[in-house]
Protein backbone atom coordinates (compact mmCIF):
# COMPACT_ATOMS: atom_id res chain seq x y z
CA MET A 1 -23.49 9.14 17.03
CA GLU A 2 -21.43 6.06 17.79
CA PHE A 3 -22.88 2.68 16.88
CA THR A 4 -22.30 -0.40 19.08
CA GLY A 5 -22.54 -3.34 16.60
CA ASP A 6 -25.91 -4.74 17.33
CA SER A 7 -27.76 -6.51 14.53
CA ASP A 8 -29.36 -3.30 13.28
CA GLU A 9 -26.35 -1.07 13.87
CA TYR A 10 -22.69 -1.01 13.20
CA ALA A 11 -19.47 0.09 14.90
CA ILE A 12 -18.10 3.10 13.04
CA LEU A 13 -14.74 3.27 14.92
CA ASN A 14 -11.90 0.86 14.70
CA PRO A 15 -11.29 -0.75 18.03
CA ILE A 16 -7.70 0.53 17.92
CA CYS A 17 -9.17 4.02 18.48
CA SER A 18 -9.38 3.32 22.22
CA ARG A 19 -5.64 3.90 22.21
CA ILE A 20 -6.07 7.46 20.85
CA GLN A 21 -6.27 9.57 23.99
CA GLN A 22 -5.71 13.08 24.89
CA GLY A 23 -2.16 13.75 26.25
CA ALA A 24 -1.82 14.59 29.91
CA ILE A 25 -0.29 18.01 29.26
CA LYS A 26 -2.84 18.88 26.60
CA SER A 27 -5.56 18.15 29.15
CA LEU A 28 -4.31 21.08 31.22
CA TYR A 29 -4.56 23.66 28.43
CA LYS A 30 -8.19 24.34 29.28
CA TYR A 31 -7.03 26.21 32.38
CA ILE A 32 -4.92 28.71 30.38
CA SER A 33 -8.00 30.78 29.52
CA THR A 34 -9.20 30.87 33.17
CA PRO A 35 -9.05 34.51 34.49
CA GLY A 36 -6.33 35.01 37.09
CA PHE A 37 -4.32 31.88 36.12
CA ILE A 38 -0.52 32.16 35.86
CA SER A 39 0.56 29.43 33.53
CA LEU A 40 3.97 27.95 34.09
CA GLY A 41 2.91 24.52 32.77
CA GLY A 42 2.80 24.82 29.04
CA GLY A 43 5.63 24.39 26.50
CA LEU A 44 4.60 27.37 24.41
CA PRO A 45 7.36 29.63 23.26
CA ASN A 46 6.82 33.31 23.94
CA ASP A 47 5.35 35.20 20.92
CA SER A 48 7.68 38.17 21.56
CA VAL A 49 10.69 36.28 20.35
CA PHE A 50 9.21 35.26 16.98
CA PRO A 51 10.84 37.04 14.02
CA PHE A 52 7.54 37.66 12.28
CA GLU A 53 5.38 40.64 13.12
CA ARG A 54 2.90 41.02 10.23
CA MET A 55 2.22 39.77 6.74
CA THR A 56 0.45 41.10 3.64
CA VAL A 57 -0.95 38.84 0.94
CA GLU A 58 -1.72 40.29 -2.43
CA LEU A 59 -4.63 38.64 -4.28
CA THR A 60 -5.03 38.24 -8.01
CA ASP A 61 -7.83 40.79 -8.05
CA GLY A 62 -5.47 43.48 -6.73
CA SER A 63 -6.80 43.52 -3.10
CA THR A 64 -4.57 42.87 -0.13
CA LEU A 65 -5.00 40.80 3.01
CA PHE A 66 -3.35 42.27 6.21
CA LEU A 67 -2.38 39.76 8.96
CA GLU A 68 -0.75 40.67 12.26
CA LYS A 69 0.82 38.56 14.97
CA GLN A 70 -1.49 37.57 17.71
CA ASP A 71 -0.68 36.09 21.04
CA PHE A 72 -1.80 32.58 21.95
CA GLN A 73 -4.49 33.66 24.36
CA LYS A 74 -6.26 35.84 21.74
CA ALA A 75 -5.85 33.22 19.05
CA LYS A 76 -7.26 30.54 21.30
CA ASN A 77 -10.33 32.72 21.90
CA GLY A 78 -10.75 33.51 18.16
CA GLU A 79 -10.33 37.26 18.82
CA SER A 80 -9.36 39.72 16.05
CA GLN A 81 -6.88 42.47 16.87
CA ASN A 82 -8.71 45.18 14.99
CA ASN A 83 -11.07 45.59 12.05
CA ARG A 84 -8.36 46.06 9.51
CA THR A 85 -6.18 43.07 10.14
CA SER A 86 -6.66 39.39 10.62
CA ALA A 87 -4.86 37.20 13.11
CA LEU A 88 -1.44 35.76 12.10
CA SER A 89 -1.31 32.60 14.15
CA LEU A 90 2.36 31.65 14.92
CA ASN A 91 2.21 29.53 17.99
CA TYR A 92 1.03 26.06 18.70
CA GLY A 93 -2.69 25.50 17.95
CA LEU A 94 -5.44 23.04 18.40
CA GLY A 95 -6.02 19.65 16.78
CA LYS A 96 -9.52 20.84 15.68
CA GLY A 97 -8.04 23.94 13.99
CA HIS A 98 -7.76 27.66 14.71
CA PRO A 99 -11.09 28.86 16.23
CA ASN A 100 -11.73 31.14 13.30
CA VAL A 101 -11.03 28.34 10.78
CA TYR A 102 -13.07 25.82 12.72
CA ASN A 103 -16.04 28.18 12.91
CA TRP A 104 -15.96 29.00 9.24
CA MET A 105 -15.79 25.31 8.31
CA LYS A 106 -18.71 24.30 10.54
CA GLU A 107 -20.88 27.25 9.38
CA HIS A 108 -19.97 26.42 5.72
CA VAL A 109 -20.93 22.76 6.13
CA GLN A 110 -24.17 23.68 7.76
CA SER A 111 -24.93 26.14 4.98
CA VAL A 112 -23.96 23.94 2.02
CA HIS A 113 -24.91 20.41 3.23
CA SER A 114 -27.29 20.87 6.24
CA PRO A 115 -26.51 17.31 7.62
CA PRO A 116 -29.76 15.93 8.89
CA CYS A 117 -27.96 13.88 11.58
CA THR A 118 -27.68 16.33 14.45
CA SER A 119 -24.55 14.88 16.21
CA TRP A 120 -21.90 15.89 13.72
CA ASP A 121 -18.79 18.00 13.87
CA VAL A 122 -15.79 19.12 11.71
CA CYS A 123 -12.11 19.10 12.10
CA HIS A 124 -9.44 20.74 10.01
CA THR A 125 -7.06 18.56 8.06
CA VAL A 126 -3.56 18.77 6.59
CA GLY A 127 -4.91 18.34 3.05
CA GLY A 128 -6.73 15.46 1.37
CA THR A 129 -4.00 12.70 1.45
CA ASP A 130 -3.43 12.99 5.12
CA SER A 131 -7.15 12.90 5.86
CA ILE A 132 -7.55 9.77 3.76
CA PHE A 133 -4.85 8.01 5.81
CA LYS A 134 -6.43 9.14 9.14
CA CYS A 135 -9.94 8.29 8.12
CA LEU A 136 -8.94 4.79 7.04
CA PHE A 137 -7.01 4.33 10.38
CA ILE A 138 -9.78 5.54 12.57
CA LEU A 139 -12.78 4.01 10.94
CA ASN A 140 -13.75 0.35 11.33
CA ILE A 141 -12.81 -0.76 7.82
CA GLY A 142 -12.01 -4.39 8.54
CA THR A 143 -9.98 -6.05 5.89
CA THR A 144 -11.86 -4.92 2.75
CA LEU A 145 -12.73 -1.45 1.47
CA LEU A 146 -15.25 -1.05 -1.30
CA THR A 147 -14.25 1.55 -3.98
CA GLU A 148 -15.33 2.43 -7.51
CA GLU A 149 -13.74 0.00 -9.92
CA TYR A 150 -11.35 2.75 -11.05
CA THR A 151 -10.22 4.99 -8.20
CA TYR A 152 -7.55 7.33 -6.71
CA PRO A 153 -4.24 5.37 -6.60
CA VAL A 154 -3.06 7.02 -3.33
CA THR A 155 -6.07 5.62 -1.55
CA MET A 156 -5.11 2.10 -2.81
CA ASP A 157 -1.55 2.71 -1.75
CA ILE A 158 -2.70 3.77 1.79
CA CYS A 159 -4.83 0.61 2.03
CA LYS A 160 -1.80 -1.48 1.23
CA ILE A 161 0.06 0.22 4.15
CA LEU A 162 -2.80 -0.50 6.48
CA GLY A 163 -3.29 -4.08 5.26
CA ILE A 164 -6.71 -3.38 3.66
CA SER A 165 -7.79 -4.94 0.34
CA THR A 166 -9.74 -2.91 -2.16
CA VAL A 167 -12.71 -4.34 -4.01
CA GLY A 168 -13.96 -2.35 -6.99
CA VAL A 169 -17.65 -1.85 -7.73
CA ARG A 170 -18.83 -1.57 -11.33
CA CYS A 171 -19.78 1.97 -12.38
CA ASP A 172 -21.58 3.65 -15.30
CA GLU A 173 -21.92 7.34 -16.39
CA PHE A 174 -23.86 8.07 -13.26
CA GLY A 175 -21.27 6.55 -10.83
CA ILE A 176 -21.57 3.35 -8.77
CA VAL A 177 -24.21 0.92 -10.08
CA PRO A 178 -26.54 0.12 -7.17
CA ASP A 179 -27.24 -3.49 -8.17
CA ALA A 180 -23.53 -4.16 -8.58
CA LEU A 181 -22.87 -2.68 -5.04
CA ARG A 182 -25.59 -4.78 -3.51
CA GLN A 183 -24.27 -7.97 -5.20
CA THR A 184 -20.65 -7.16 -4.09
CA CYS A 185 -21.91 -6.73 -0.49
CA VAL A 186 -23.79 -10.07 -0.72
CA ASP A 187 -20.78 -11.88 -2.29
CA LEU A 188 -18.41 -10.63 0.46
CA ALA A 189 -20.84 -11.52 3.21
CA ASN A 190 -21.17 -15.07 1.82
CA LYS A 191 -17.44 -15.32 2.07
CA ASN A 192 -17.61 -14.32 5.75
CA SER A 193 -15.71 -11.10 4.92
CA PRO A 194 -18.54 -8.52 4.90
CA ALA A 195 -17.65 -5.00 3.77
CA LYS A 196 -17.87 -2.32 6.35
CA ALA A 197 -17.05 0.82 4.31
CA LEU A 198 -17.41 2.32 0.85
CA TYR A 199 -14.91 4.88 -0.38
CA THR A 200 -16.26 7.10 -3.18
CA ILE A 201 -15.33 10.17 -5.19
CA PRO A 202 -18.83 11.36 -6.22
CA THR A 203 -17.97 14.51 -8.10
CA GLY A 204 -15.64 14.74 -11.08
CA GLN A 205 -14.43 11.25 -10.17
CA ASN A 206 -10.72 10.66 -10.39
CA PRO A 207 -10.02 9.19 -12.94
CA THR A 208 -13.28 8.77 -14.82
CA GLY A 209 -14.66 12.31 -14.52
CA THR A 210 -18.15 11.02 -13.71
CA SER A 211 -20.43 12.79 -11.23
CA MET A 212 -22.94 10.83 -9.29
CA SER A 213 -26.53 11.92 -9.71
CA MET A 214 -28.78 12.65 -6.67
CA GLU A 215 -30.93 9.70 -7.51
CA ARG A 216 -27.97 7.44 -7.57
CA LYS A 217 -26.57 8.77 -4.29
CA SER A 218 -29.96 8.01 -2.70
CA GLU A 219 -29.84 4.48 -3.95
CA VAL A 220 -26.28 3.98 -2.78
CA TYR A 221 -27.06 5.43 0.68
CA ASP A 222 -29.98 3.08 1.04
CA ILE A 223 -27.77 0.14 0.25
CA ALA A 224 -25.18 1.37 2.82
CA ARG A 225 -27.99 1.35 5.41
CA GLU A 226 -29.02 -2.12 4.39
CA PHE A 227 -25.52 -3.53 4.72
CA HIS A 228 -24.31 -1.30 7.62
CA LEU A 229 -21.61 0.47 5.48
CA THR A 230 -19.76 3.65 6.41
CA ILE A 231 -19.60 5.92 3.35
CA ILE A 232 -16.26 7.76 3.04
CA GLU A 233 -17.09 10.70 0.76
CA ASP A 234 -13.90 12.10 -0.75
CA ASP A 235 -15.14 15.09 -2.59
CA ALA A 236 -11.93 16.93 -3.70
CA TYR A 237 -13.57 18.17 -6.93
CA TYR A 238 -16.85 19.17 -5.33
CA TYR A 239 -16.37 22.85 -6.11
CA ILE A 240 -15.49 22.32 -9.77
CA GLN A 241 -19.03 21.49 -10.90
CA PHE A 242 -20.32 22.52 -14.32
CA PRO A 243 -23.78 23.82 -15.33
CA SER A 244 -26.46 21.12 -14.86
CA SER A 245 -27.93 21.52 -18.36
CA ASP A 246 -26.23 19.52 -21.07
CA CYS A 247 -23.82 21.88 -22.72
CA SER A 248 -20.92 19.51 -23.55
CA ASP A 249 -21.07 20.46 -27.29
CA LYS A 250 -20.59 24.14 -26.59
CA LEU A 251 -17.31 25.90 -27.61
CA MET A 252 -15.22 27.37 -24.80
CA GLU A 253 -16.01 30.93 -25.93
CA ASP A 254 -19.80 30.21 -25.63
CA PHE A 255 -19.70 29.87 -21.85
CA ASN A 256 -20.08 32.81 -19.35
CA GLU A 257 -19.66 33.26 -15.66
CA ASP A 258 -23.39 33.73 -14.95
CA GLU A 259 -24.08 30.17 -16.07
CA MET A 260 -21.72 28.62 -13.48
CA PRO A 261 -23.30 27.16 -10.25
CA GLY A 262 -20.98 28.93 -7.77
CA LEU A 263 -22.15 27.67 -4.37
CA SER A 264 -25.39 26.22 -5.77
CA LEU A 265 -23.89 22.75 -5.80
CA ALA A 266 -25.21 19.26 -6.03
CA ALA A 267 -26.46 17.57 -2.84
CA SER A 268 -23.83 15.38 -1.10
CA PHE A 269 -23.96 12.10 0.70
CA LEU A 270 -23.53 14.18 3.84
CA SER A 271 -26.81 15.97 3.09
CA LEU A 272 -28.54 12.58 2.99
CA ASP A 273 -27.04 11.21 6.27
CA VAL A 274 -29.85 10.59 8.75
CA ASP A 275 -27.99 8.16 10.96
CA GLY A 276 -24.33 9.18 11.06
CA ARG A 277 -22.65 6.81 8.60
CA VAL A 278 -21.06 9.39 6.32
CA VAL A 279 -17.55 10.72 6.77
CA ARG A 280 -16.89 13.50 4.24
CA MET A 281 -13.51 14.97 3.27
CA ASP A 282 -13.19 18.41 1.69
CA THR A 283 -9.96 20.18 0.70
CA THR A 284 -8.88 23.64 -0.38
CA THR A 285 -6.49 21.97 -2.88
CA LYS A 286 -8.67 22.47 -5.94
CA PHE A 287 -10.57 25.64 -5.15
CA ILE A 288 -7.73 27.64 -3.63
CA CYS A 289 -4.26 25.92 -4.02
CA PRO A 290 -2.49 22.65 -2.96
CA GLY A 291 0.22 24.57 -1.15
CA LEU A 292 -1.99 25.56 1.71
CA ARG A 293 -2.23 21.87 2.78
CA LEU A 294 -5.58 22.55 4.47
CA GLY A 295 -8.95 20.97 4.39
CA TRP A 296 -11.65 19.68 6.66
CA VAL A 297 -13.40 16.44 7.54
CA THR A 298 -17.01 16.13 8.66
CA GLY A 299 -18.54 13.20 10.50
CA PRO A 300 -20.18 11.85 13.62
CA ASP A 301 -19.11 13.43 16.87
CA SER A 302 -17.36 10.26 18.07
CA PHE A 303 -15.25 10.13 14.84
CA ILE A 304 -14.31 13.79 14.96
CA LYS A 305 -13.16 13.51 18.58
CA LYS A 306 -10.77 10.78 17.66
CA TYR A 307 -9.67 12.60 14.51
CA SER A 308 -8.86 15.71 16.48
CA LEU A 309 -6.90 13.72 19.05
CA LEU A 310 -5.06 11.94 16.27
CA ASN A 311 -4.06 15.35 14.94
CA ASP A 312 -2.82 16.27 18.44
CA ASN A 313 -0.67 13.15 18.51
CA THR A 314 0.78 13.30 14.97
CA CYS A 315 0.84 16.56 12.93
CA LEU A 316 -0.67 18.65 15.82
CA MET A 317 -2.13 21.11 13.30
CA SER A 318 -1.82 22.41 9.81
CA SER A 319 0.47 25.41 9.23
CA GLY A 320 -0.54 28.44 11.20
CA PHE A 321 0.39 30.57 8.25
CA SER A 322 -2.09 28.56 6.06
CA GLN A 323 -4.88 28.73 8.51
CA SER A 324 -4.38 32.46 9.00
CA ILE A 325 -4.33 33.13 5.23
CA PHE A 326 -7.43 31.01 4.71
CA SER A 327 -9.29 32.63 7.57
CA ALA A 328 -8.35 36.10 6.25
CA LEU A 329 -9.32 35.18 2.71
CA MET A 330 -12.79 33.87 3.71
CA SER A 331 -13.41 36.89 5.85
CA HIS A 332 -12.31 39.20 3.04
CA TRP A 333 -14.46 37.48 0.48
CA GLY A 334 -17.63 36.69 2.56
CA VAL A 335 -20.26 34.43 1.04
CA GLU A 336 -20.73 36.58 -2.05
CA GLY A 337 -16.99 36.89 -2.80
CA PHE A 338 -16.52 33.17 -2.34
CA ASN A 339 -19.40 32.45 -4.66
CA ASN A 340 -17.98 34.73 -7.28
CA HIS A 341 -14.58 33.11 -6.89
CA LEU A 342 -16.11 29.70 -7.49
CA LYS A 343 -17.95 30.89 -10.64
CA ARG A 344 -14.62 32.12 -12.07
CA LEU A 345 -12.99 28.85 -11.14
CA GLN A 346 -15.79 26.82 -12.69
CA LEU A 347 -15.79 28.92 -15.94
CA TYR A 348 -12.07 28.29 -16.33
CA TYR A 349 -12.45 24.49 -15.99
CA VAL A 350 -15.58 24.24 -18.16
CA GLN A 351 -13.79 26.22 -20.85
CA GLN A 352 -10.76 23.87 -20.57
CA ARG A 353 -13.16 20.90 -20.84
CA ALA A 354 -14.69 22.41 -23.97
CA ALA A 355 -11.19 22.79 -25.52
CA ALA A 356 -10.27 19.18 -24.68
CA LEU A 357 -13.55 17.78 -26.08
CA LYS A 358 -13.10 19.79 -29.20
CA ALA A 359 -9.54 18.47 -29.72
CA ALA A 360 -10.60 14.91 -28.80
CA THR A 361 -13.44 14.98 -31.39
CA GLU A 362 -11.13 16.42 -34.08
CA HIS A 363 -8.32 13.93 -33.68
CA LEU A 364 -9.66 10.80 -31.82
CA SER A 365 -13.25 10.40 -32.98
CA GLU A 366 -12.24 7.35 -35.17
CA LEU A 367 -9.82 5.94 -32.60
CA ALA A 368 -11.37 6.26 -29.14
CA THR A 369 -14.46 7.07 -27.10
CA TRP A 370 -14.69 9.13 -23.91
CA SER A 371 -17.14 10.19 -21.24
CA ILE A 372 -18.26 13.68 -20.84
CA PRO A 373 -17.24 15.00 -17.39
CA GLN A 374 -19.76 17.08 -15.48
CA GLY A 375 -17.12 18.30 -13.11
CA GLY A 376 -13.49 17.88 -12.12
CA MET A 377 -10.50 18.09 -14.47
CA PHE A 378 -10.20 14.64 -16.14
CA LEU A 379 -11.15 13.13 -19.52
CA TRP A 380 -11.33 9.28 -19.38
CA ILE A 381 -10.54 7.94 -22.84
CA LYS A 382 -11.09 4.37 -24.02
CA ILE A 383 -8.71 3.42 -26.86
CA SER A 384 -10.33 1.15 -29.45
CA GLY A 385 -8.50 -2.06 -30.15
CA PHE A 386 -6.06 -1.81 -27.22
CA GLU A 387 -6.41 -4.03 -24.22
CA ASP A 388 -3.39 -2.60 -22.35
CA THR A 389 -2.63 1.12 -22.67
CA GLU A 390 0.38 0.56 -20.38
CA SER A 391 2.08 -0.97 -23.44
CA MET A 392 1.96 2.36 -25.38
CA LEU A 393 3.43 4.47 -22.50
CA GLU A 394 6.96 4.60 -24.00
CA ASP A 395 5.46 5.62 -27.33
CA LEU A 396 3.62 8.42 -25.68
CA ILE A 397 6.68 9.64 -23.93
CA GLU A 398 8.74 9.48 -27.18
CA ALA A 399 5.92 11.64 -28.70
CA LYS A 400 6.42 14.06 -25.72
CA ILE A 401 2.90 13.63 -24.31
CA LEU A 402 1.94 12.23 -20.94
CA MET A 403 -1.26 10.51 -20.06
CA VAL A 404 -1.73 7.93 -17.34
CA PRO A 405 -2.63 4.32 -18.31
CA GLY A 406 -5.87 3.22 -16.82
CA LYS A 407 -4.17 0.26 -15.12
CA HIS A 408 -2.80 2.53 -12.40
CA PHE A 409 -6.37 3.38 -11.28
CA SER A 410 -7.76 -0.13 -11.52
CA SER A 411 -8.88 -1.65 -8.17
CA THR A 412 -7.77 -5.01 -9.53
CA GLY A 413 -4.50 -3.81 -10.98
CA ASN A 414 -5.45 -5.44 -14.28
CA SER A 415 -4.65 -3.96 -17.73
CA THR A 416 -7.22 -1.66 -19.28
CA SER A 417 -7.93 0.07 -22.58
CA TYR A 418 -8.18 3.47 -20.84
CA LEU A 419 -6.04 6.58 -20.55
CA ARG A 420 -6.61 9.45 -18.21
CA ALA A 421 -5.95 12.89 -19.54
CA THR A 422 -6.25 16.09 -17.52
CA TYR A 423 -7.36 19.38 -19.08
CA ALA A 424 -6.43 21.41 -16.00
CA THR A 425 -3.29 23.15 -17.03
CA ALA A 426 -2.49 22.85 -20.66
CA ALA A 427 -3.55 25.77 -22.93
CA PRO A 428 -6.23 24.98 -25.55
CA GLU A 429 -3.63 24.90 -28.40
CA LYS A 430 -1.50 22.51 -26.30
CA LEU A 431 -4.51 20.26 -25.68
CA ASP A 432 -5.14 20.25 -29.46
CA GLU A 433 -1.49 19.29 -30.12
CA ALA A 434 -1.48 16.61 -27.38
CA PHE A 435 -4.44 14.82 -28.90
CA ARG A 436 -2.95 15.15 -32.37
CA ARG A 437 0.11 13.41 -31.12
CA LEU A 438 -1.91 10.74 -29.37
CA ALA A 439 -3.75 10.04 -32.61
CA ALA A 440 -0.45 9.68 -34.44
CA VAL A 441 0.76 7.22 -31.85
CA LEU A 442 -2.48 5.17 -32.09
CA ILE A 443 -2.36 5.12 -35.93
CA SER A 444 1.30 4.05 -35.81
CA LYS A 445 0.43 1.12 -33.54
CA GLY A 446 -2.47 -0.01 -35.74
CA GLY A 447 -5.32 1.70 -33.90
CA LYS A 448 -8.75 0.46 -34.92
CA SER A 449 -11.77 2.56 -35.66
CA ALA A 450 -14.16 3.28 -32.77
CA GLU A 451 -17.86 3.85 -32.92
CA LYS A 452 -18.30 7.50 -33.86
CA GLN A 453 -18.39 9.70 -30.72
CA LYS A 454 -21.50 11.80 -30.20
CA PRO A 455 -20.61 15.18 -28.69
CA SER A 456 -23.18 15.05 -25.83
CA SER A 457 -23.08 11.29 -25.05
CA ASN A 458 -21.55 9.45 -22.24
CA ILE A 459 -19.99 5.97 -22.59
CA LEU A 460 -20.63 3.39 -19.93
CA MET A 461 -17.91 1.99 -17.70
CA PRO A 462 -17.02 -1.66 -18.49
CA SER A 463 -18.64 -4.48 -16.59
């Protein structure tokens, strides 16, 4: 659904998108699949000269994926060669993605999110960072992008490249504060610089670890409708959600796989989108691996058409190897296998979170406060008595620990009293040692006592 800019509507696409057109040669590809056609027009190399014939991928559970070379015609039609093997796509592909990958992504979005706006589609992406750039390029952002007050630094860097200013909106433990969002929209409109889009990381937010409640999402969506905002939903941590019941004081050994949500995940902004104002980005980075460089974007038909064409004119497609492996993996798992994989993934991260919280409570309870993440992989720590954690970076490095000062996530670039710590990779004993070293650094620098941290509480973001 493409909006025109009338008083009760808004234009979702950047006017520059009129320049994104299908190439003349690409427009002829539709004839390749016509029976009886002899194609001498394409620039496709012949599959027979490729040095790859087949590939096997061994999974951590001991099972094996079998992939076999498939010619362009069969790949284009999404055909499988036999029941035992999956297609190994080696030739040029489509901007929307390999047919098997595209079909899986569209069916998955329908199953998980059930977008109420009927005119939507999906397109594969070359990972999250590339999709952020393309979304900000295609969408009608104007000169100002609304974000959470602390947000993903790469998004801010991309905004600088595109000449877009970021304006942070105050948040609390439930995410963006609706009254603050409304007031920011009013203030910008009064300055004749109305905001046109809101970029948000609603699950396991980077860097704060907060997850937006359904009630809060509904309020934010209503404000977006009121002020004609496009919502850019960057949900890289969506699949790393923790049990909904409060269990932040449990020890890591107290959790079990059956408690994890699997595919029973929180409702998204996309699931609320009745009028086509949400563009949602998903990535395999956090639930499979970053090296695939594969994800998908969901949005109004008009947006996806331009995104697919932009793929055609830039990266063309993500790696055929990556798409082939992903397609084979999803086919091998099926819905049940994927659900079980997510439960294992979520169990790992909730156990890591428990280890981090235990270490923080033991070593930092008199020196800092922190929010309790309900998803993702980050602990957002407020250091008591310090206005600029950047100033202690050299001390942290000397103590051989690395945490990121909050300044690098600030939409204003101002100094903050926060540090971001990730519990994704360090073993529990390493997490304990890291927080012990942090405490030693803070004490050596005259750290002040903080209000005693309650194990199950969340602190509010600063106003």
